[in-house]
C-alpha atoms as a PDB file:
ATOM      1  CA  UNK A   1     -13.522 -22.490  75.835  1.00  0.00           C
ATOM      2  CA  UNK A   2     -16.177 -24.440  77.276  1.00  0.00           C
ATOM      3  CA  UNK A   3     -15.604 -28.328  75.704  1.00  0.00           C
ATOM      4  CA  UNK A   4     -18.866 -30.406  75.192  1.00  0.00           C
ATOM      5  CA  UNK A   5     -19.131 -33.584  76.853  1.00  0.00           C
ATOM      6  CA  UNK A   6     -19.242 -36.541  74.669  1.00  0.00           C
ATOM      7  CA  UNK A   7     -22.390 -38.740  75.142  1.00  0.00           C
ATOM      8  CA  UNK A   8     -20.416 -41.763  74.071  1.00  0.00           C
ATOM      9  CA  UNK A   9     -17.172 -43.177  75.491  1.00  0.00           C
ATOM     10  CA  UNK A  10     -14.442 -43.530  72.917  1.00  0.00           C
ATOM     11  CA  UNK A  11     -11.236 -45.404  72.919  1.00  0.00           C
ATOM     12  CA  UNK A  12      -8.105 -43.499  72.738  1.00  0.00           C
ATOM     13  CA  UNK A  13      -4.555 -44.275  73.190  1.00  0.00           C
ATOM     14  CA  UNK A  14      -2.070 -41.383  74.651  1.00  0.00           C
ATOM     15  CA  UNK A  15       1.821 -41.865  74.085  1.00  0.00           C
ATOM     16  CA  UNK A  16       4.057 -40.109  76.481  1.00  0.00           C
ATOM     17  CA  UNK A  17       1.068 -40.255  78.859  1.00  0.00           C
ATOM     18  CA  UNK A  18       2.920 -40.132  82.190  1.00  0.00           C
ATOM     19  CA  UNK A  19       4.220 -36.464  82.365  1.00  0.00           C
ATOM     20  CA  UNK A  20       3.666 -33.076  80.458  1.00  0.00           C
ATOM     21  CA  UNK A  21       1.157 -32.730  77.744  1.00  0.00           C
ATOM     22  CA  UNK A  22       0.260 -36.122  77.441  1.00  0.00           C
ATOM     23  CA  UNK A  23      -0.287 -36.501  80.991  1.00  0.00           C
ATOM     24  CA  UNK A  24      -2.627 -33.351  80.847  1.00  0.00           C
ATOM     25  CA  UNK A  25      -4.284 -35.142  77.822  1.00  0.00           C
ATOM     26  CA  UNK A  26      -4.877 -37.990  79.803  1.00  0.00           C
ATOM     27  CA  UNK A  27      -6.849 -36.117  82.340  1.00  0.00           C
ATOM     28  CA  UNK A  28      -8.934 -34.202  79.429  1.00  0.00           C
ATOM     29  CA  UNK A  29     -10.131 -37.276  77.983  1.00  0.00           C
ATOM     30  CA  UNK A  30     -11.023 -39.009  81.313  1.00  0.00           C
ATOM     31  CA  UNK A  31     -12.998 -36.223  81.918  1.00  0.00           C
ATOM     32  CA  UNK A  32     -15.677 -37.834  79.522  1.00  0.00           C
ATOM     33  CA  UNK A  33     -14.832 -41.037  80.950  1.00  0.00           C
ATOM     34  CA  UNK A  34     -13.518 -42.492  77.748  1.00  0.00           C
ATOM     35  CA  UNK A  35     -11.429 -45.717  77.561  1.00  0.00           C
ATOM     36  CA  UNK A  36      -7.783 -44.898  77.628  1.00  0.00           C
ATOM     37  CA  UNK A  37      -4.537 -46.700  76.672  1.00  0.00           C
ATOM     38  CA  UNK A  38      -1.664 -45.168  78.330  1.00  0.00           C
ATOM     39  CA  UNK A  39       1.569 -45.613  76.999  1.00  0.00           C
ATOM     40  CA  UNK A  40       4.895 -44.554  78.704  1.00  0.00           C
ATOM     41  CA  UNK A  41       8.498 -45.753  79.714  1.00  0.00           C
ATOM     42  CA  UNK A  42       8.076 -44.440  83.000  1.00  0.00           C
ATOM     43  CA  UNK A  43       6.076 -46.886  85.759  1.00  0.00           C
ATOM     44  CA  UNK A  44       5.854 -44.229  88.393  1.00  0.00           C
ATOM     45  CA  UNK A  45       3.870 -41.672  86.369  1.00  0.00           C
ATOM     46  CA  UNK A  46       2.361 -43.932  84.127  1.00  0.00           C
ATOM     47  CA  UNK A  47       1.049 -45.125  87.601  1.00  0.00           C
ATOM     48  CA  UNK A  48      -0.166 -41.957  88.718  1.00  0.00           C
ATOM     49  CA  UNK A  49      -1.695 -40.905  85.404  1.00  0.00           C
ATOM     50  CA  UNK A  50      -3.782 -44.365  85.698  1.00  0.00           C
ATOM     51  CA  UNK A  51      -4.889 -43.538  89.019  1.00  0.00           C
ATOM     52  CA  UNK A  52      -6.019 -40.192  87.954  1.00  0.00           C
ATOM     53  CA  UNK A  53      -7.955 -41.610  84.912  1.00  0.00           C
ATOM     54  CA  UNK A  54      -9.301 -44.048  86.923  1.00  0.00           C
ATOM     55  CA  UNK A  55     -10.736 -41.867  89.642  1.00  0.00           C
ATOM     56  CA  UNK A  56     -12.324 -39.655  86.719  1.00  0.00           C
ATOM     57  CA  UNK A  57     -14.047 -42.942  85.867  1.00  0.00           C
ATOM     58  CA  UNK A  58     -12.218 -43.779  82.859  1.00  0.00           C
ATOM     59  CA  UNK A  59     -11.291 -47.774  82.453  1.00  0.00           C
ATOM     60  CA  UNK A  60      -7.617 -47.678  81.883  1.00  0.00           C
ATOM     61  CA  UNK A  61      -5.150 -50.344  80.066  1.00  0.00           C
ATOM     62  CA  UNK A  62      -1.621 -48.682  80.983  1.00  0.00           C
ATOM     63  CA  UNK A  63       1.225 -50.055  79.110  1.00  0.00           C
ATOM     64  CA  UNK A  64       5.146 -49.824  79.553  1.00  0.00           C
ATOM     65  CA  UNK A  65       6.531 -49.048  76.177  1.00  0.00           C
ATOM     66  CA  UNK A  66       8.903 -47.096  74.327  1.00  0.00           C
ATOM     67  CA  UNK A  67       7.711 -45.710  70.968  1.00  0.00           C
ATOM     68  CA  UNK A  68      11.302 -45.636  69.081  1.00  0.00           C
ATOM     69  CA  UNK A  69      10.435 -49.814  68.791  1.00  0.00           C
ATOM     70  CA  UNK A  70       8.311 -50.197  66.198  1.00  0.00           C
ATOM     71  CA  UNK A  71       7.396 -53.815  67.321  1.00  0.00           C
ATOM     72  CA  UNK A  72       6.177 -52.462  70.900  1.00  0.00           C
ATOM     73  CA  UNK A  73       3.937 -49.823  68.731  1.00  0.00           C
ATOM     74  CA  UNK A  74       2.515 -52.746  66.840  1.00  0.00           C
ATOM     75  CA  UNK A  75       1.824 -54.836  70.070  1.00  0.00           C
ATOM     76  CA  UNK A  76       0.281 -51.474  72.012  1.00  0.00           C
ATOM     77  CA  UNK A  77      -2.235 -51.272  68.939  1.00  0.00           C
ATOM     78  CA  UNK A  78      -2.906 -55.144  69.328  1.00  0.00           C
ATOM     79  CA  UNK A  79      -3.733 -55.015  72.968  1.00  0.00           C
ATOM     80  CA  UNK A  80      -5.587 -51.499  72.635  1.00  0.00           C
ATOM     81  CA  UNK A  81      -8.427 -53.512  70.550  1.00  0.00           C
ATOM     82  CA  UNK A  82      -8.021 -56.789  72.518  1.00  0.00           C
ATOM     83  CA  UNK A  83      -8.768 -54.934  75.853  1.00  0.00           C
ATOM     84  CA  UNK A  84     -11.322 -52.142  74.756  1.00  0.00           C
ATOM     85  CA  UNK A  85     -12.336 -52.572  71.012  1.00  0.00           C
ATOM     86  CA  UNK A  86     -11.592 -50.607  67.613  1.00  0.00           C
ATOM     87  CA  UNK A  87      -9.112 -47.566  68.391  1.00  0.00           C
ATOM     88  CA  UNK A  88     -11.559 -44.454  67.901  1.00  0.00           C
ATOM     89  CA  UNK A  89      -8.448 -41.615  68.711  1.00  0.00           C
ATOM     90  CA  UNK A  90      -4.791 -41.772  69.146  1.00  0.00           C
ATOM     91  CA  UNK A  91      -2.746 -39.106  70.279  1.00  0.00           C
ATOM     92  CA  UNK A  92       1.049 -39.328  69.556  1.00  0.00           C
ATOM     93  CA  UNK A  93       2.894 -37.212  72.288  1.00  0.00           C
ATOM     94  CA  UNK A  94       6.485 -38.870  73.310  1.00  0.00           C
ATOM     95  CA  UNK A  95       9.470 -37.364  72.613  1.00  0.00           C
ATOM     96  CA  UNK A  96      12.900 -36.703  74.082  1.00  0.00           C
ATOM     97  CA  UNK A  97      15.299 -34.010  73.395  1.00  0.00           C
ATOM     98  CA  UNK A  98      18.885 -32.633  73.705  1.00  0.00           C
ATOM     99  CA  UNK A  99      19.547 -28.821  74.651  1.00  0.00           C
ATOM    100  CA  UNK A 100      23.156 -27.937  73.290  1.00  0.00           C
ATOM    101  CA  UNK A 101      24.644 -26.736  70.642  1.00  0.00           C
ATOM    102  CA  UNK A 102      24.841 -29.297  67.411  1.00  0.00           C
ATOM    103  CA  UNK A 103      28.723 -29.948  67.771  1.00  0.00           C
ATOM    104  CA  UNK A 104      27.989 -31.163  71.421  1.00  0.00           C
ATOM    105  CA  UNK A 105      25.656 -33.584  70.684  1.00  0.00           C
ATOM    106  CA  UNK A 106      26.809 -37.034  70.015  1.00  0.00           C
ATOM    107  CA  UNK A 107      26.026 -39.249  66.770  1.00  0.00           C
ATOM    108  CA  UNK A 108      23.767 -41.694  69.426  1.00  0.00           C
ATOM    109  CA  UNK A 109      22.107 -38.729  71.030  1.00  0.00           C
ATOM    110  CA  UNK A 110      21.067 -37.482  67.932  1.00  0.00           C
ATOM    111  CA  UNK A 111      19.958 -40.695  66.299  1.00  0.00           C
ATOM    112  CA  UNK A 112      17.969 -41.579  69.655  1.00  0.00           C
ATOM    113  CA  UNK A 113      15.895 -37.864  69.633  1.00  0.00           C
ATOM    114  CA  UNK A 114      14.958 -38.903  65.843  1.00  0.00           C
ATOM    115  CA  UNK A 115      13.817 -42.040  66.844  1.00  0.00           C
ATOM    116  CA  UNK A 116      11.755 -41.146  69.433  1.00  0.00           C
ATOM    117  CA  UNK A 117      10.753 -37.875  68.590  1.00  0.00           C
ATOM    118  CA  UNK A 118       9.990 -38.495  64.856  1.00  0.00           C
ATOM    119  CA  UNK A 119       9.929 -42.135  64.094  1.00  0.00           C
ATOM    120  CA  UNK A 120       8.106 -42.720  67.320  1.00  0.00           C
ATOM    121  CA  UNK A 121       5.315 -40.710  65.831  1.00  0.00           C
ATOM    122  CA  UNK A 122       5.845 -42.868  62.410  1.00  0.00           C
ATOM    123  CA  UNK A 123       5.816 -46.355  64.370  1.00  0.00           C
ATOM    124  CA  UNK A 124       2.769 -45.688  66.295  1.00  0.00           C
ATOM    125  CA  UNK A 125       0.933 -44.134  63.391  1.00  0.00           C
ATOM    126  CA  UNK A 126       1.195 -47.261  61.187  1.00  0.00           C
ATOM    127  CA  UNK A 127       0.642 -49.449  63.895  1.00  0.00           C
ATOM    128  CA  UNK A 128      -2.726 -47.373  64.732  1.00  0.00           C
ATOM    129  CA  UNK A 129      -3.585 -47.137  60.831  1.00  0.00           C
ATOM    130  CA  UNK A 130      -3.388 -51.232  60.510  1.00  0.00           C
ATOM    131  CA  UNK A 131      -6.281 -51.581  62.199  1.00  0.00           C
ATOM    132  CA  UNK A 132      -8.234 -48.156  61.321  1.00  0.00           C
ATOM    133  CA  UNK A 133      -7.917 -48.235  57.709  1.00  0.00           C
ATOM    134  CA  UNK A 134      -9.969 -51.645  57.335  1.00  0.00           C
ATOM    135  CA  UNK A 135     -12.717 -50.233  58.997  1.00  0.00           C
ATOM    136  CA  UNK A 136     -12.488 -46.902  57.575  1.00  0.00           C
ATOM    137  CA  UNK A 137     -12.832 -44.670  60.473  1.00  0.00           C
ATOM    138  CA  UNK A 138     -10.222 -43.361  63.550  1.00  0.00           C
ATOM    139  CA  UNK A 139      -8.531 -39.813  64.254  1.00  0.00           C
ATOM    140  CA  UNK A 140      -4.861 -39.581  64.627  1.00  0.00           C
ATOM    141  CA  UNK A 141      -3.534 -36.555  66.280  1.00  0.00           C
ATOM    142  CA  UNK A 142      -0.025 -35.744  66.141  1.00  0.00           C
ATOM    143  CA  UNK A 143       1.473 -33.112  68.649  1.00  0.00           C
ATOM    144  CA  UNK A 144       3.690 -30.349  67.082  1.00  0.00           C
ATOM    145  CA  UNK A 145       5.271 -27.472  67.778  1.00  0.00           C
ATOM    146  CA  UNK A 146       5.840 -24.016  66.078  1.00  0.00           C
ATOM    147  CA  UNK A 147       9.578 -25.624  65.989  1.00  0.00           C
ATOM    148  CA  UNK A 148       7.930 -28.114  63.245  1.00  0.00           C
ATOM    149  CA  UNK A 149       8.366 -24.800  61.035  1.00  0.00           C
ATOM    150  CA  UNK A 150      11.410 -22.903  62.507  1.00  0.00           C
ATOM    151  CA  UNK A 151      13.930 -24.232  64.069  1.00  0.00           C
ATOM    152  CA  UNK A 152      15.741 -22.765  67.073  1.00  0.00           C
ATOM    153  CA  UNK A 153      19.491 -22.917  68.528  1.00  0.00           C
ATOM    154  CA  UNK A 154      20.426 -25.668  71.037  1.00  0.00           C
ATOM    155  CA  UNK A 155      17.661 -27.831  69.843  1.00  0.00           C
ATOM    156  CA  UNK A 156      18.883 -29.204  66.311  1.00  0.00           C
ATOM    157  CA  UNK A 157      18.110 -32.712  67.337  1.00  0.00           C
ATOM    158  CA  UNK A 158      14.327 -31.681  68.381  1.00  0.00           C
ATOM    159  CA  UNK A 159      14.002 -28.771  65.349  1.00  0.00           C
ATOM    160  CA  UNK A 160      15.060 -31.895  63.110  1.00  0.00           C
ATOM    161  CA  UNK A 161      12.944 -34.424  64.031  1.00  0.00           C
ATOM    162  CA  UNK A 162       9.612 -32.219  64.185  1.00  0.00           C
ATOM    163  CA  UNK A 163      10.389 -30.516  60.713  1.00  0.00           C
ATOM    164  CA  UNK A 164      10.490 -34.521  59.342  1.00  0.00           C
ATOM    165  CA  UNK A 165       7.381 -35.046  61.648  1.00  0.00           C
ATOM    166  CA  UNK A 166       5.690 -32.062  59.688  1.00  0.00           C
ATOM    167  CA  UNK A 167       6.766 -33.122  56.071  1.00  0.00           C
ATOM    168  CA  UNK A 168       5.529 -36.642  56.712  1.00  0.00           C
ATOM    169  CA  UNK A 169       2.248 -35.709  58.223  1.00  0.00           C
ATOM    170  CA  UNK A 170       1.603 -33.748  55.179  1.00  0.00           C
ATOM    171  CA  UNK A 171       2.362 -36.464  52.935  1.00  0.00           C
ATOM    172  CA  UNK A 172       0.478 -39.179  55.131  1.00  0.00           C
ATOM    173  CA  UNK A 173      -2.613 -36.864  54.822  1.00  0.00           C
ATOM    174  CA  UNK A 174      -2.372 -36.204  51.116  1.00  0.00           C
ATOM    175  CA  UNK A 175      -2.314 -40.046  50.426  1.00  0.00           C
ATOM    176  CA  UNK A 176      -5.523 -40.543  52.770  1.00  0.00           C
ATOM    177  CA  UNK A 177      -7.402 -37.573  50.956  1.00  0.00           C
ATOM    178  CA  UNK A 178      -6.282 -39.065  47.494  1.00  0.00           C
ATOM    179  CA  UNK A 179      -7.894 -42.648  48.784  1.00  0.00           C
ATOM    180  CA  UNK A 180     -11.012 -41.316  49.971  1.00  0.00           C
ATOM    181  CA  UNK A 181      -9.984 -42.866  53.379  1.00  0.00           C
ATOM    182  CA  UNK A 182     -12.515 -42.229  56.469  1.00  0.00           C
ATOM    183  CA  UNK A 183      -9.228 -42.036  58.776  1.00  0.00           C
ATOM    184  CA  UNK A 184      -8.433 -38.576  59.693  1.00  0.00           C
ATOM    185  CA  UNK A 185      -5.118 -37.215  60.829  1.00  0.00           C
ATOM    186  CA  UNK A 186      -4.352 -33.419  61.929  1.00  0.00           C
ATOM    187  CA  UNK A 187      -1.629 -31.628  64.166  1.00  0.00           C
ATOM    188  CA  UNK A 188      -2.055 -29.087  66.915  1.00  0.00           C
ATOM    189  CA  UNK A 189       1.011 -27.066  66.702  1.00  0.00           C
ATOM    190  CA  UNK A 190       2.154 -25.369  70.121  1.00  0.00           C
ATOM    191  CA  UNK A 191       3.905 -22.731  71.865  1.00  0.00           C
ATOM    192  CA  UNK A 192       6.106 -23.053  74.718  1.00  0.00           C
ATOM    193  CA  UNK A 193       4.331 -25.412  77.478  1.00  0.00           C
ATOM    194  CA  UNK A 194       4.766 -25.587  81.165  1.00  0.00           C
ATOM    195  CA  UNK A 195       6.079 -28.923  81.686  1.00  0.00           C
ATOM    196  CA  UNK A 196       8.571 -30.994  83.397  1.00  0.00           C
ATOM    197  CA  UNK A 197      10.536 -31.438  80.322  1.00  0.00           C
ATOM    198  CA  UNK A 198      13.023 -28.815  80.995  1.00  0.00           C
ATOM    199  CA  UNK A 199      14.396 -30.546  84.192  1.00  0.00           C
ATOM    200  CA  UNK A 200      14.635 -33.693  82.504  1.00  0.00           C
ATOM    201  CA  UNK A 201      16.163 -33.130  78.958  1.00  0.00           C
ATOM    202  CA  UNK A 202      19.622 -33.791  78.535  1.00  0.00           C
ATOM    203  CA  UNK A 203      21.384 -30.376  79.056  1.00  0.00           C
ATOM    204  CA  UNK A 204      24.976 -29.329  78.232  1.00  0.00           C
ATOM    205  CA  UNK A 205      24.073 -25.758  78.929  1.00  0.00           C
ATOM    206  CA  UNK A 206      25.431 -23.496  81.658  1.00  0.00           C
ATOM    207  CA  UNK A 207      22.735 -23.129  83.147  1.00  0.00           C
ATOM    208  CA  UNK A 208      18.954 -24.794  83.842  1.00  0.00           C
ATOM    209  CA  UNK A 209      16.876 -25.124  80.515  1.00  0.00           C
ATOM    210  CA  UNK A 210      14.141 -23.272  80.385  1.00  0.00           C
ATOM    211  CA  UNK A 211      11.189 -22.595  77.368  1.00  0.00           C
ATOM    212  CA  UNK A 212      10.918 -19.249  75.441  1.00  0.00           C
ATOM    213  CA  UNK A 213       8.226 -16.927  76.803  1.00  0.00           C
ATOM    214  CA  UNK A 214       5.258 -16.823  76.624  1.00  0.00           C
ATOM    215  CA  UNK A 215       4.591 -20.258  78.507  1.00  0.00           C
ATOM    216  CA  UNK A 216       1.359 -22.018  78.729  1.00  0.00           C
ATOM    217  CA  UNK A 217       0.125 -24.440  80.901  1.00  0.00           C
ATOM    218  CA  UNK A 218      -0.340 -28.150  79.917  1.00  0.00           C
ATOM    219  CA  UNK A 219      -3.862 -27.885  79.836  1.00  0.00           C
ATOM    220  CA  UNK A 220      -4.581 -25.477  77.358  1.00  0.00           C
ATOM    221  CA  UNK A 221      -2.460 -28.238  75.084  1.00  0.00           C
ATOM    222  CA  UNK A 222      -4.580 -30.912  76.010  1.00  0.00           C
ATOM    223  CA  UNK A 223      -8.012 -28.742  75.316  1.00  0.00           C
ATOM    224  CA  UNK A 224      -6.688 -28.330  71.761  1.00  0.00           C
ATOM    225  CA  UNK A 225      -5.590 -31.824  71.282  1.00  0.00           C
ATOM    226  CA  UNK A 226      -9.516 -32.768  72.881  1.00  0.00           C
ATOM    227  CA  UNK A 227     -10.745 -30.273  70.230  1.00  0.00           C
ATOM    228  CA  UNK A 228      -8.677 -31.387  67.155  1.00  0.00           C
ATOM    229  CA  UNK A 229     -10.020 -35.226  68.236  1.00  0.00           C
ATOM    230  CA  UNK A 230     -13.607 -33.958  67.750  1.00  0.00           C
ATOM    231  CA  UNK A 231     -13.075 -31.855  64.775  1.00  0.00           C
ATOM    232  CA  UNK A 232     -10.100 -33.520  62.712  1.00  0.00           C
ATOM    233  CA  UNK A 233     -10.882 -32.302  59.461  1.00  0.00           C
ATOM    234  CA  UNK A 234      -8.729 -29.535  60.164  1.00  0.00           C
ATOM    235  CA  UNK A 235      -5.135 -30.456  58.994  1.00  0.00           C
ATOM    236  CA  UNK A 236      -3.701 -28.410  61.910  1.00  0.00           C
ATOM    237  CA  UNK A 237      -4.454 -25.961  65.063  1.00  0.00           C
ATOM    238  CA  UNK A 238      -2.135 -23.143  66.183  1.00  0.00           C
ATOM    239  CA  UNK A 239      -2.088 -22.539  69.802  1.00  0.00           C
ATOM    240  CA  UNK A 240      -0.609 -19.318  71.365  1.00  0.00           C
ATOM    241  CA  UNK A 241       0.069 -16.138  69.741  1.00  0.00           C
ATOM    242  CA  UNK A 242       3.594 -16.877  69.750  1.00  0.00           C
ATOM    243  CA  UNK A 243       3.017 -19.783  67.888  1.00  0.00           C
ATOM    244  CA  UNK A 244       1.326 -17.802  64.802  1.00  0.00           C
ATOM    245  CA  UNK A 245       4.057 -14.828  65.073  1.00  0.00           C
ATOM    246  CA  UNK A 246       6.776 -17.065  64.624  1.00  0.00           C
ATOM    247  CA  UNK A 247       5.252 -18.888  61.580  1.00  0.00           C
ATOM    248  CA  UNK A 248       4.145 -15.583  59.802  1.00  0.00           C
ATOM    249  CA  UNK A 249       7.657 -14.098  60.736  1.00  0.00           C
ATOM    250  CA  UNK A 250       9.347 -17.231  59.244  1.00  0.00           C
ATOM    251  CA  UNK A 251       6.968 -17.341  56.377  1.00  0.00           C
ATOM    252  CA  UNK A 252       7.810 -13.904  55.470  1.00  0.00           C
ATOM    253  CA  UNK A 253      11.582 -12.567  56.920  1.00  0.00           C
ATOM    254  CA  UNK A 254      12.853 -16.128  57.501  1.00  0.00           C
ATOM    255  CA  UNK A 255      16.104 -14.579  57.487  1.00  0.00           C
ATOM    256  CA  UNK A 256      15.626 -11.691  59.598  1.00  0.00           C
ATOM    257  CA  UNK A 257      14.151 -14.303  62.226  1.00  0.00           C
ATOM    258  CA  UNK A 258      17.650 -16.381  61.763  1.00  0.00           C
ATOM    259  CA  UNK A 259      19.530 -13.029  62.915  1.00  0.00           C
ATOM    260  CA  UNK A 260      17.039 -12.732  65.711  1.00  0.00           C
ATOM    261  CA  UNK A 261      17.003 -16.076  67.301  1.00  0.00           C
ATOM    262  CA  UNK A 262      20.887 -15.944  66.877  1.00  0.00           C
ATOM    263  CA  UNK A 263      20.816 -12.754  68.829  1.00  0.00           C
ATOM    264  CA  UNK A 264      18.110 -13.634  71.999  1.00  0.00           C
ATOM    265  CA  UNK A 265      17.531 -17.599  71.367  1.00  0.00           C
ATOM    266  CA  UNK A 266      20.295 -18.786  73.438  1.00  0.00           C
ATOM    267  CA  UNK A 267      19.831 -16.429  76.760  1.00  0.00           C
ATOM    268  CA  UNK A 268      16.016 -16.942  76.259  1.00  0.00           C
ATOM    269  CA  UNK A 269      16.460 -20.888  76.731  1.00  0.00           C
ATOM    270  CA  UNK A 270      18.366 -20.632  80.039  1.00  0.00           C
ATOM    271  CA  UNK A 271      17.766 -19.378  83.614  1.00  0.00           C
ATOM    272  CA  UNK A 272      20.097 -17.791  85.952  1.00  0.00           C
ATOM    273  CA  UNK A 273      20.502 -20.686  88.057  1.00  0.00           C
ATOM    274  CA  UNK A 274      23.408 -22.917  86.863  1.00  0.00           C
ATOM    275  CA  UNK A 275      22.518 -26.418  85.460  1.00  0.00           C
ATOM    276  CA  UNK A 276      23.835 -29.316  88.151  1.00  0.00           C
ATOM    277  CA  UNK A 277      26.046 -32.008  85.817  1.00  0.00           C
ATOM    278  CA  UNK A 278      24.869 -34.891  87.817  1.00  0.00           C
ATOM    279  CA  UNK A 279      20.970 -34.088  86.954  1.00  0.00           C
ATOM    280  CA  UNK A 280      19.339 -37.235  85.465  1.00  0.00           C
ATOM    281  CA  UNK A 281      17.931 -36.814  81.933  1.00  0.00           C
ATOM    282  CA  UNK A 282      15.267 -38.975  80.293  1.00  0.00           C
ATOM    283  CA  UNK A 283      16.975 -39.527  76.968  1.00  0.00           C
ATOM    284  CA  UNK A 284      18.170 -43.436  77.330  1.00  0.00           C
ATOM    285  CA  UNK A 285      15.748 -44.226  80.426  1.00  0.00           C
ATOM    286  CA  UNK A 286      12.649 -42.702  81.831  1.00  0.00           C
ATOM    287  CA  UNK A 287      12.766 -39.877  84.178  1.00  0.00           C
ATOM    288  CA  UNK A 288       9.679 -40.635  86.107  1.00  0.00           C
ATOM    289  CA  UNK A 289      10.567 -44.120  86.742  1.00  0.00           C
ATOM    290  CA  UNK A 290      10.746 -43.880  90.489  1.00  0.00           C
ATOM    291  CA  UNK A 291       8.885 -40.521  90.584  1.00  0.00           C
ATOM    292  CA  UNK A 292       5.865 -39.302  89.478  1.00  0.00           C
ATOM    293  CA  UNK A 293       6.282 -35.618  87.906  1.00  0.00           C
ATOM    294  CA  UNK A 294       3.036 -35.061  86.862  1.00  0.00           C
ATOM    295  CA  UNK A 295       2.059 -32.539  83.826  1.00  0.00           C
ATOM    296  CA  UNK A 296       3.235 -29.319  85.420  1.00  0.00           C
ATOM    297  CA  UNK A 297       6.950 -27.941  85.479  1.00  0.00           C
ATOM    298  CA  UNK A 298       8.741 -25.056  87.564  1.00  0.00           C
ATOM    299  CA  UNK A 299       7.264 -22.576  85.724  1.00  0.00           C
ATOM    300  CA  UNK A 300       3.593 -22.162  86.923  1.00  0.00           C
ATOM    301  CA  UNK A 301       3.909 -18.570  88.125  1.00  0.00           C
ATOM    302  CA  UNK A 302       4.278 -17.315  84.578  1.00  0.00           C
ATOM    303  CA  UNK A 303       2.388 -20.093  82.488  1.00  0.00           C
ATOM    304  CA  UNK A 304      -0.640 -18.598  80.918  1.00  0.00           C
ATOM    305  CA  UNK A 305      -4.239 -20.659  81.028  1.00  0.00           C
ATOM    306  CA  UNK A 306      -6.033 -19.207  77.833  1.00  0.00           C
ATOM    307  CA  UNK A 307      -4.801 -19.012  74.456  1.00  0.00           C
ATOM    308  CA  UNK A 308      -6.993 -16.459  72.174  1.00  0.00           C
ATOM    309  CA  UNK A 309      -5.214 -18.093  69.424  1.00  0.00           C
ATOM    310  CA  UNK A 310      -6.201 -21.471  69.914  1.00  0.00           C
ATOM    311  CA  UNK A 311     -10.187 -20.259  69.709  1.00  0.00           C
ATOM    312  CA  UNK A 312      -9.248 -18.128  66.581  1.00  0.00           C
ATOM    313  CA  UNK A 313      -7.875 -21.555  64.995  1.00  0.00           C
ATOM    314  CA  UNK A 314     -11.120 -23.517  66.230  1.00  0.00           C
ATOM    315  CA  UNK A 315     -13.026 -20.517  64.808  1.00  0.00           C
ATOM    316  CA  UNK A 316     -11.600 -19.330  61.548  1.00  0.00           C
ATOM    317  CA  UNK A 317     -14.844 -19.993  59.446  1.00  0.00           C
ATOM    318  CA  UNK A 318     -16.874 -17.744  61.822  1.00  0.00           C
ATOM    319  CA  UNK A 319     -13.774 -15.023  61.718  1.00  0.00           C
ATOM    320  CA  UNK A 320     -13.801 -15.419  58.333  1.00  0.00           C
ATOM    321  CA  UNK A 321     -17.431 -14.701  57.773  1.00  0.00           C
ATOM    322  CA  UNK A 322     -17.525 -11.942  60.052  1.00  0.00           C
ATOM    323  CA  UNK A 323     -14.707 -10.340  58.254  1.00  0.00           C
ATOM    324  CA  UNK A 324     -16.565 -10.936  54.666  1.00  0.00           C
ATOM    325  CA  UNK A 325     -19.887  -9.147  56.711  1.00  0.00           C
ATOM    326  CA  UNK A 326     -17.699  -6.171  57.910  1.00  0.00           C
ATOM    327  CA  UNK A 327     -16.011  -5.454  54.642  1.00  0.00           C
ATOM    328  CA  UNK A 328     -19.425  -5.747  53.211  1.00  0.00           C
ATOM    329  CA  UNK A 329     -20.860  -3.066  55.299  1.00  0.00           C
ATOM    330  CA  UNK A 330     -17.805  -1.144  54.977  1.00  0.00           C
ATOM    331  CA  UNK A 331     -18.486  -1.049  50.944  1.00  0.00           C
ATOM    332  CA  UNK A 332     -22.077  -0.589  51.576  1.00  0.00           C
ATOM    333  CA  UNK A 333     -21.388   2.729  53.456  1.00  0.00           C
ATOM    334  CA  UNK A 334     -18.655   3.878  51.174  1.00  0.00           C
ATOM    335  CA  UNK A 335     -21.312   3.358  48.283  1.00  0.00           C
ATOM    336  CA  UNK A 336     -23.951   5.029  50.088  1.00  0.00           C
ATOM    337  CA  UNK A 337     -21.756   8.011  50.689  1.00  0.00           C
ATOM    338  CA  UNK A 338     -20.820   8.329  47.276  1.00  0.00           C
END
C-alpha cells in the first residue's frame, strides 16, 4: 500500500511512543514532517524516538508522562497546544499487561493494567476532546485489538481492558454523531504484532511469552493507524486475516472458540525457552528507562510485512461495488441463458 504524502503538516500526539507500535507510528507520521508530541514513560526510548523523528524533519515535543494519571494527560494536551497549536490527531497506544492465569494476578496488578490500558485511553481522550470540541475539529485514533472482541487465556487483565475500551469507544462515537460534532474517533483492531512487549510484560508463565501466530510487523499497524487518521469516518479498521477470522468465529460460534482456545491458547502464547523470573517488566516502571527497545521484537523472522485484510478494510466500498457488479453480470448471464 502506498501512502499519500500530505502537503500540510499536522500536530499529532502519540502515547506509548517510545517503543513497539507507538514507535512505528511516530516514524510513519514523521515521514510527512508532522509536528509530533511523543508521550511515554521511558526516557531512553522517548529520546531515541525523538531523535529519529527530528532526523526525518519533524519538530518534536517529547513528554514523559503516565497516561494512568488524568492530570498528566491534561498537561500533555495543554503543552501540545502551547508548543504547536491545535492538535489535529491524537493516537492512543500506551498499555501494560500481565501474562498469567487470572488467579495468579494480584488485585493491584489487575488494577494497574486497567488504569493504563483502558483508563489511560479514557484520560487521554478526555484531555484531547477538551481542546477539540470547542473548535469542532480533530481526530482520535484508538489502538485496539482482536482481543477487544475475543478474550484469550493468560491475558484476562488485558482482555478485560480492551473489551472495556471497545464499549466505551462505541458509546463515545454515538454521542459525537448525535451532537453533529466535527470531531472524529475511530479504532484500529490489530492482530499479533512483533513488538518488544513480549519481553517486558509481567510474566508468570513457565516459558517466555510470545504472540499467537501469525505475527505482523509494527509498520503494518502504523500504516493502518496513519490511514485511519486520514479517513476517520470509518468506525474501525481490521488488520490481519487472523483478526477477521477471530472476530467472525467469535460472532458465529463463540462456545466452540472457547474450547479451541482452552485447548491451544496457552501453549500458543509461550516459547520453548524458559522464562527467567528475574526478567524486568514494565508494569510499574518503564522497561526502556535506560535502554532503547525500538519498535521490533524478537520475532522478525516470522513477522509479516503486509496485510491483505487491511487493504480490504480500507477499500470495502470498492469491494462491495465490485461484488455487486459481479452479481449483476452473473444475473444477466443467467437471464440470457433462459
